[in-house]
Amino acid sequence: MLTLTLPLLLASLPCSDLREDAQRLEAIAQNQPDELAPLVRELEARSGGMPLPPAGDVPPGTWANTVAVRIQEACALQDAAAHQAPPPASQRDRLQAILDRPEFAQARRRNTDLIQRALRELESWLDGFFQSRGAQSFAVATRAVMLGLALAAILWALLRLRLWRRAAPANARAASQAPSPLELDPPREHLQRARTALASDPREAIRQGLLALLSTLEERRLARPDRVKTNRELAAELPTRGAPLSLVQEVERLTRWYDQTFYSLSPVPTEEAARFVEDVERLHREPPGVPA
């Protein structure tokens, strides 16, 4: 837009009057410096809006000289344009004729588009690189590396699949061979087995006695059929399920004795095993603190 309006602005300058006023500027700056600024604004308005240098911090004489030089240069451009050939009829030719003037030649020769120039240089460098022998070697090496990675991924997937197929039957066998959770029989059956085992295996007798105790508590809904809890945890849970204090104390005493005896390396005395079975049987018949 500035390129199109500048010739029109120069063509409309009243240079005959402006030259005379420009010659008066230096005299006014020396004799009446206060009237210099209004005169400059008047000249700027009469020139159709042509920008003139501002005052700034320079002396009035220097400012007047700068404004006069600017007006003389603008009028000189107007005179030069008047002696040129008439512009072409078309808008494109007219614009080209304006750009071919000497005052625009230097600006046209400057290459201010640094980004586009850098992109063009980068593009030319890449073209030269990928057309060279080094680029071909790089491409071959890249394909080899990618092929090696792909083969390694395939081998790893096959190995994982093979290990998974081997582990599946093993897990199935382990699951089938895993012992099922212990299901308790009625307390009387465990007590009967305990009395039968007293003579030959006292340790098995107290084990059956403990199972009878657990079965009794489960029948009375004082314990849950949870086979992962220890005897101490099971006894500590009794108060929360409504068991009386006397029953809790008796169960704690029996389970404490059982843990100390059954997991000891010493043989289980037959008399103590028989006493334990009798206490469990008595607790089954008449639990302390619980109506029969």
Protein backbone atom coordinates (compact mmCIF):
# COMPACT_ATOMS: atom_id res chain seq x y z
CA MET A 1 0.00 0.00 0.00
CA LEU A 2 2.85 2.39 0.81
CA THR A 3 4.44 1.66 -2.61
CA LEU A 4 1.24 2.64 -4.41
CA THR A 5 0.44 5.77 -2.37
CA LEU A 6 3.93 7.30 -2.36
CA PRO A 7 3.96 8.20 -6.11
CA LEU A 8 0.46 9.64 -5.81
CA LEU A 9 1.55 11.72 -2.80
CA LEU A 10 4.59 13.03 -4.62
CA ALA A 11 2.54 13.93 -7.68
CA SER A 12 0.17 16.08 -5.57
CA LEU A 13 2.83 18.13 -3.77
CA PRO A 14 2.58 21.94 -4.33
CA CYS A 15 6.33 22.20 -4.82
CA SER A 16 6.27 25.79 -6.08
CA ASP A 17 5.02 27.07 -2.72
CA LEU A 18 6.82 24.46 -0.61
CA ARG A 19 10.24 25.40 -1.96
CA GLU A 20 9.76 29.03 -0.98
CA ASP A 21 8.57 28.11 2.52
CA ALA A 22 11.45 25.64 2.89
CA GLN A 23 13.93 28.45 2.19
CA ARG A 24 12.29 30.56 4.90
CA LEU A 25 12.61 27.82 7.53
CA GLU A 26 16.24 28.46 8.43
CA ALA A 27 15.66 32.21 8.71
CA ILE A 28 12.64 31.70 10.98
CA ALA A 29 14.64 29.18 13.08
CA GLN A 30 17.28 31.83 13.73
CA ASN A 31 15.02 34.87 14.26
CA GLN A 32 11.69 33.45 15.51
CA PRO A 33 12.25 29.84 16.73
CA ASP A 34 8.84 29.79 18.46
CA GLU A 35 7.08 30.03 15.10
CA LEU A 36 9.07 27.14 13.61
CA ALA A 37 6.87 24.29 14.90
CA PRO A 38 3.54 25.83 13.68
CA LEU A 39 5.09 26.45 10.27
CA VAL A 40 6.31 22.84 10.00
CA ARG A 41 2.83 21.55 10.87
CA GLU A 42 1.35 23.90 8.27
CA LEU A 43 3.79 22.60 5.63
CA GLU A 44 2.95 19.01 6.55
CA ALA A 45 -0.78 19.75 6.13
CA ARG A 46 -0.28 21.61 2.83
CA SER A 47 1.81 18.74 1.45
CA GLY A 48 -1.13 16.36 1.77
CA GLY A 49 0.11 14.48 4.83
CA MET A 50 3.73 13.92 3.82
CA PRO A 51 5.59 12.98 7.04
CA LEU A 52 8.21 15.52 8.04
CA PRO A 53 10.95 14.91 10.64
CA PRO A 54 9.89 15.65 14.24
CA ALA A 55 11.71 18.20 16.33
CA GLY A 56 13.18 15.82 18.86
CA ASP A 57 16.10 17.17 20.90
CA VAL A 58 17.95 18.86 18.00
CA PRO A 59 18.41 22.66 17.81
CA PRO A 60 15.88 24.67 15.81
CA GLY A 61 18.39 25.39 13.07
CA THR A 62 19.20 21.73 12.56
CA TRP A 63 15.54 20.80 12.54
CA ALA A 64 14.72 23.52 9.99
CA ASN A 65 17.55 22.32 7.76
CA THR A 66 16.33 18.67 7.96
CA VAL A 67 12.75 19.65 7.08
CA ALA A 68 13.94 21.81 4.15
CA VAL A 69 16.09 18.98 2.78
CA ARG A 70 13.17 16.55 3.04
CA ILE A 71 10.87 18.94 1.10
CA GLN A 72 13.50 19.56 -1.57
CA GLU A 73 14.08 15.80 -2.02
CA ALA A 74 10.35 15.16 -2.35
CA CYS A 75 10.00 17.91 -4.94
CA ALA A 76 13.04 16.59 -6.81
CA LEU A 77 11.36 13.18 -7.01
CA GLN A 78 8.23 14.87 -8.33
CA ASP A 79 10.23 16.64 -11.02
CA ALA A 80 11.93 13.39 -12.02
CA ALA A 81 8.59 11.61 -12.25
CA ALA A 82 7.18 14.36 -14.46
CA HIS A 83 9.90 13.79 -17.08
CA GLN A 84 9.44 10.01 -17.22
CA ALA A 85 7.35 8.25 -19.83
CA PRO A 86 3.63 7.87 -19.06
CA PRO A 87 2.84 4.74 -17.06
CA PRO A 88 1.49 1.66 -18.83
CA ALA A 89 -2.21 1.12 -19.03
CA SER A 90 -2.44 -2.10 -17.01
CA GLN A 91 -2.15 -2.13 -13.22
CA ARG A 92 0.61 -4.79 -13.24
CA ASP A 93 2.71 -2.87 -15.76
CA ARG A 94 2.20 0.33 -13.81
CA LEU A 95 3.39 -1.31 -10.60
CA GLN A 96 6.41 -2.77 -12.39
CA ALA A 97 7.28 0.65 -13.78
CA ILE A 98 7.15 2.10 -10.26
CA LEU A 99 9.42 -0.64 -8.90
CA ASP A 100 11.91 -0.05 -11.74
CA ARG A 101 12.53 3.52 -10.60
CA PRO A 102 15.99 4.23 -9.13
CA GLU A 103 14.69 5.04 -5.67
CA PHE A 104 13.29 1.47 -5.33
CA ALA A 105 16.18 -0.39 -6.95
CA GLN A 106 18.23 -0.67 -3.73
CA ALA A 107 15.24 -1.84 -1.70
CA ARG A 108 14.43 -4.48 -4.31
CA ARG A 109 17.96 -5.84 -4.26
CA ARG A 110 17.84 -6.41 -0.46
CA ASN A 111 16.83 -9.94 0.48
CA THR A 112 15.00 -9.60 3.79
CA ASP A 113 13.31 -12.99 3.76
CA LEU A 114 15.95 -14.77 5.84
CA ILE A 115 13.70 -17.71 6.77
CA GLN A 116 12.91 -18.61 3.17
CA ARG A 117 16.55 -18.27 2.19
CA ALA A 118 17.60 -20.54 5.07
CA LEU A 119 14.95 -23.10 4.07
CA ARG A 120 16.17 -23.05 0.49
CA GLU A 121 19.76 -23.60 1.60
CA LEU A 122 18.67 -26.46 3.89
CA GLU A 123 16.68 -28.03 1.08
CA SER A 124 19.62 -27.87 -1.29
CA TRP A 125 21.93 -29.38 1.36
CA LEU A 126 19.52 -32.25 2.01
CA ASP A 127 19.21 -32.93 -1.70
CA GLY A 128 22.97 -33.09 -2.01
CA PHE A 129 23.31 -35.29 1.07
CA PHE A 130 20.75 -37.91 0.06
CA GLN A 131 22.21 -38.10 -3.41
CA SER A 132 25.73 -38.79 -2.12
CA ARG A 133 27.38 -42.12 -1.41
CA GLY A 134 27.37 -41.46 2.31
CA ALA A 135 23.60 -41.10 2.26
CA GLN A 136 23.26 -44.41 0.47
CA SER A 137 25.43 -46.11 3.10
CA PHE A 138 23.36 -44.50 5.84
CA ALA A 139 20.13 -45.75 4.25
CA VAL A 140 21.51 -49.30 3.96
CA ALA A 141 22.68 -49.28 7.58
CA THR A 142 19.32 -47.96 8.75
CA ARG A 143 17.47 -50.73 6.93
CA ALA A 144 19.80 -53.33 8.44
CA VAL A 145 19.24 -52.00 11.96
CA MET A 146 15.47 -51.94 11.53
CA LEU A 147 15.50 -55.49 10.13
CA GLY A 148 17.57 -56.68 13.10
CA LEU A 149 15.17 -55.06 15.57
CA ALA A 150 12.19 -56.64 13.82
CA LEU A 151 13.79 -60.11 13.97
CA ALA A 152 14.62 -59.65 17.65
CA ALA A 153 11.03 -58.68 18.41
CA ILE A 154 9.70 -61.73 16.54
CA LEU A 155 12.09 -64.09 18.38
CA TRP A 156 11.15 -62.58 21.73
CA ALA A 157 7.44 -63.02 20.98
CA LEU A 158 7.98 -66.67 19.95
CA LEU A 159 9.98 -67.33 23.13
CA ARG A 160 7.28 -65.81 25.31
CA LEU A 161 4.62 -67.88 23.52
CA ARG A 162 6.61 -71.06 24.06
CA LEU A 163 7.13 -70.34 27.75
CA TRP A 164 3.42 -69.55 28.13
CA ARG A 165 2.44 -72.85 26.52
CA ARG A 166 4.79 -74.72 28.83
CA ALA A 167 3.56 -72.93 31.91
CA ALA A 168 -0.14 -73.46 31.17
CA PRO A 169 -0.15 -77.28 31.71
CA ALA A 170 2.10 -76.92 34.74
CA ASN A 171 -0.29 -74.42 36.29
CA ALA A 172 -3.22 -76.68 35.50
CA ARG A 173 -1.49 -79.64 37.17
CA ALA A 174 -0.59 -77.56 40.18
CA ALA A 175 -4.16 -76.37 40.47
CA SER A 176 -5.49 -79.93 40.23
CA GLN A 177 -2.96 -81.19 42.78
CA ALA A 178 -3.49 -78.33 45.22
CA PRO A 179 -5.18 -79.52 48.39
CA SER A 180 -8.78 -78.50 48.63
CA PRO A 181 -9.87 -76.50 51.67
CA LEU A 182 -10.38 -78.67 54.71
CA GLU A 183 -14.05 -79.46 55.27
CA LEU A 184 -14.90 -80.31 58.84
CA ASP A 185 -17.05 -83.24 59.80
CA PRO A 186 -19.52 -83.14 62.70
CA PRO A 187 -17.79 -82.74 66.08
CA ARG A 188 -18.74 -86.26 67.24
CA GLU A 189 -16.93 -87.89 64.30
CA HIS A 190 -13.73 -85.97 65.03
CA LEU A 191 -13.99 -86.87 68.73
CA GLN A 192 -14.45 -90.53 67.84
CA ARG A 193 -11.34 -90.46 65.65
CA ALA A 194 -9.43 -88.71 68.42
CA ARG A 195 -10.29 -91.46 70.97
CA THR A 196 -9.34 -94.13 68.43
CA ALA A 197 -5.93 -92.49 67.79
CA LEU A 198 -5.06 -91.94 71.48
CA ALA A 199 -3.41 -95.33 71.91
CA SER A 200 -1.33 -95.31 68.72
CA ASP A 201 -0.81 -91.64 67.74
CA PRO A 202 -1.45 -89.01 70.46
CA ARG A 203 -0.43 -86.20 68.12
CA GLU A 204 -3.14 -87.17 65.64
CA ALA A 205 -5.55 -87.49 68.54
CA ILE A 206 -5.07 -83.86 69.63
CA ARG A 207 -5.33 -82.79 65.98
CA GLN A 208 -8.73 -84.45 65.69
CA GLY A 209 -9.66 -82.88 69.02
CA LEU A 210 -8.85 -79.42 67.66
CA LEU A 211 -10.94 -80.12 64.53
CA ALA A 212 -13.81 -81.13 66.81
CA LEU A 213 -13.43 -77.84 68.69
CA LEU A 214 -13.51 -75.84 65.44
CA SER A 215 -16.50 -77.81 64.16
CA THR A 216 -18.35 -77.09 67.42
CA LEU A 217 -17.72 -73.35 67.11
CA GLU A 218 -18.88 -73.36 63.50
CA GLU A 219 -22.05 -75.26 64.37
CA ARG A 220 -22.90 -72.61 66.96
CA ARG A 221 -21.99 -69.85 64.43
CA LEU A 222 -19.26 -68.55 66.70
CA ALA A 223 -16.59 -69.01 64.03
CA ARG A 224 -16.47 -68.86 60.27
CA PRO A 225 -15.10 -71.73 58.14
CA ASP A 226 -11.93 -69.75 57.41
CA ARG A 227 -8.93 -72.04 57.05
CA VAL A 228 -6.35 -69.26 56.73
CA LYS A 229 -6.72 -67.89 60.24
CA THR A 230 -4.50 -69.07 63.03
CA ASN A 231 -5.93 -70.49 66.23
CA ARG A 232 -5.06 -67.30 68.10
CA GLU A 233 -6.85 -65.15 65.48
CA LEU A 234 -9.90 -67.41 65.60
CA ALA A 235 -10.08 -67.13 69.40
CA ALA A 236 -9.67 -63.33 69.24
CA GLU A 237 -12.65 -63.15 66.85
CA LEU A 238 -15.06 -64.94 69.21
CA PRO A 239 -16.14 -61.84 71.22
CA THR A 240 -17.16 -60.06 68.03
CA ARG A 241 -19.51 -62.95 67.19
CA GLY A 242 -21.28 -62.91 70.55
CA ALA A 243 -19.35 -65.61 72.45
CA PRO A 244 -19.45 -65.24 76.27
CA LEU A 245 -16.26 -64.42 78.13
CA SER A 246 -16.00 -67.84 79.83
CA LEU A 247 -16.17 -69.62 76.47
CA VAL A 248 -13.57 -67.29 74.99
CA GLN A 249 -11.18 -67.97 77.85
CA GLU A 250 -11.65 -71.74 77.55
CA VAL A 251 -11.05 -71.71 73.78
CA GLU A 252 -7.94 -69.55 74.24
CA ARG A 253 -6.60 -71.98 76.84
CA LEU A 254 -7.20 -75.05 74.64
CA THR A 255 -5.76 -73.50 71.46
CA ARG A 256 -2.72 -72.17 73.34
CA TRP A 257 -1.97 -75.61 74.74
CA TYR A 258 -2.51 -77.20 71.33
CA ASP A 259 -0.09 -74.80 69.57
CA GLN A 260 2.62 -75.38 72.17
CA THR A 261 2.22 -79.17 72.10
CA PHE A 262 1.46 -80.00 68.48
CA TYR A 263 4.23 -77.86 67.01
CA SER A 264 6.80 -79.00 69.57
CA LEU A 265 9.44 -81.54 68.65
CA SER A 266 8.81 -83.48 71.85
CA PRO A 267 6.44 -86.47 71.78
CA VAL A 268 2.89 -85.81 72.95
CA PRO A 269 2.16 -87.62 76.24
CA THR A 270 -0.87 -89.88 75.98
CA GLU A 271 -2.32 -88.64 79.29
CA GLU A 272 -2.18 -84.97 78.20
CA ALA A 273 -3.66 -85.80 74.79
CA ALA A 274 -6.54 -87.68 76.50
CA ARG A 275 -7.15 -84.73 78.86
CA PHE A 276 -7.27 -82.35 75.87
CA VAL A 277 -9.79 -84.55 74.04
CA GLU A 278 -11.97 -84.76 77.16
CA ASP A 279 -11.92 -80.96 77.59
CA VAL A 280 -12.98 -80.51 73.96
CA GLU A 281 -15.75 -83.10 74.37
CA ARG A 282 -17.00 -81.39 77.53
CA LEU A 283 -16.97 -78.01 75.78
CA HIS A 284 -18.98 -79.58 72.93
CA ARG A 285 -21.61 -80.97 75.31
CA GLU A 286 -21.83 -78.02 77.71
CA PRO A 287 -20.14 -74.84 76.40
CA PRO A 288 -19.48 -72.46 79.31
CA GLY A 289 -21.82 -69.50 79.26
CA VAL A 290 -23.94 -70.85 76.34
CA PRO A 291 -27.32 -72.60 76.88
CA ALA A 292 -27.22 -76.22 75.79
